C-alpha atoms as a PDB file:
ATOM      1  CA  MET A   1      63.833 131.150  68.948  1.00  0.00           C
ATOM      2  CA  SER A   2      66.065 132.022  71.859  1.00  0.00           C
ATOM      3  CA  ASP A   3      69.055 134.363  71.872  1.00  0.00           C
ATOM      4  CA  ASP A   4      71.377 131.371  72.160  1.00  0.00           C
ATOM      5  CA  ASP A   5      70.771 130.392  68.530  1.00  0.00           C
ATOM      6  CA  ASP A   6      73.229 132.820  66.953  1.00  0.00           C
ATOM      7  CA  ARG A   7      76.069 131.845  69.284  1.00  0.00           C
ATOM      8  CA  PRO A   8      78.596 129.258  68.056  1.00  0.00           C
ATOM      9  CA  VAL A   9      77.419 125.829  69.117  1.00  0.00           C
ATOM     10  CA  GLY A  10      79.598 124.548  71.941  1.00  0.00           C
ATOM     11  CA  PHE A  11      79.706 121.168  73.631  1.00  0.00           C
ATOM     12  CA  LEU A  12      76.533 121.823  75.632  1.00  0.00           C
ATOM     13  CA  GLY A  13      74.727 123.058  72.545  1.00  0.00           C
ATOM     14  CA  ARG A  14      75.605 119.849  70.757  1.00  0.00           C
ATOM     15  CA  LEU A  15      74.390 117.843  73.768  1.00  0.00           C
ATOM     16  CA  ARG A  16      71.083 119.694  73.781  1.00  0.00           C
ATOM     17  CA  SER A  17      70.470 118.902  70.103  1.00  0.00           C
ATOM     18  CA  ALA A  18      71.628 115.284  70.438  1.00  0.00           C
ATOM     19  CA  THR A  19      69.236 112.556  69.343  1.00  0.00           C
ATOM     20  CA  PRO A  20      67.725 110.152  71.903  1.00  0.00           C
ATOM     21  CA  ILE A  21      70.006 107.418  70.555  1.00  0.00           C
ATOM     22  CA  ALA A  22      73.034 109.583  71.297  1.00  0.00           C
ATOM     23  CA  TRP A  23      71.695 110.187  74.818  1.00  0.00           C
ATOM     24  CA  VAL A  24      71.314 106.438  75.384  1.00  0.00           C
ATOM     25  CA  LEU A  25      74.895 105.891  74.214  1.00  0.00           C
ATOM     26  CA  ILE A  26      76.240 108.696  76.413  1.00  0.00           C
ATOM     27  CA  ILE A  27      74.365 107.467  79.502  1.00  0.00           C
ATOM     28  CA  GLY A  28      75.441 103.886  78.805  1.00  0.00           C
ATOM     29  CA  LEU A  29      79.063 104.954  78.456  1.00  0.00           C
ATOM     30  CA  VAL A  30      78.917 106.905  81.727  1.00  0.00           C
ATOM     31  CA  GLY A  31      77.296 103.935  83.465  1.00  0.00           C
ATOM     32  CA  VAL A  32      79.903 101.472  82.221  1.00  0.00           C
ATOM     33  CA  THR A  33      82.717 103.828  83.219  1.00  0.00           C
ATOM     34  CA  ALA A  34      81.247 104.398  86.677  1.00  0.00           C
ATOM     35  CA  SER A  35      80.682 100.694  87.347  1.00  0.00           C
ATOM     36  CA  GLY A  36      84.166  99.870  86.072  1.00  0.00           C
ATOM     37  CA  ALA A  37      85.715 102.477  88.367  1.00  0.00           C
ATOM     38  CA  THR A  38      83.666 101.180  91.301  1.00  0.00           C
ATOM     39  CA  LEU A  39      84.775  97.603  90.615  1.00  0.00           C
ATOM     40  CA  LEU A  40      88.413  98.728  90.453  1.00  0.00           C
ATOM     41  CA  VAL A  41      88.110 100.559  93.770  1.00  0.00           C
ATOM     42  CA  ILE A  42      86.498  97.515  95.411  1.00  0.00           C
ATOM     43  CA  LEU A  43      89.072  95.094  93.998  1.00  0.00           C
ATOM     44  CA  LEU A  44      92.074  97.279  94.813  1.00  0.00           C
ATOM     45  CA  GLY A  45      90.695  98.306  98.187  1.00  0.00           C
ATOM     46  CA  SER A  46      90.124  94.807  99.511  1.00  0.00           C
END
């Protein structure tokens, strides 16, 4: 047990205890957002 355990769980603490399914969803969401932003930049830039 580390000293971090008695601190209130913040956003990073929740991320660390997230299930693999949650990680897949988070990474997928980030990927979709990044590709969407890239597409927008390409379309608007050309």
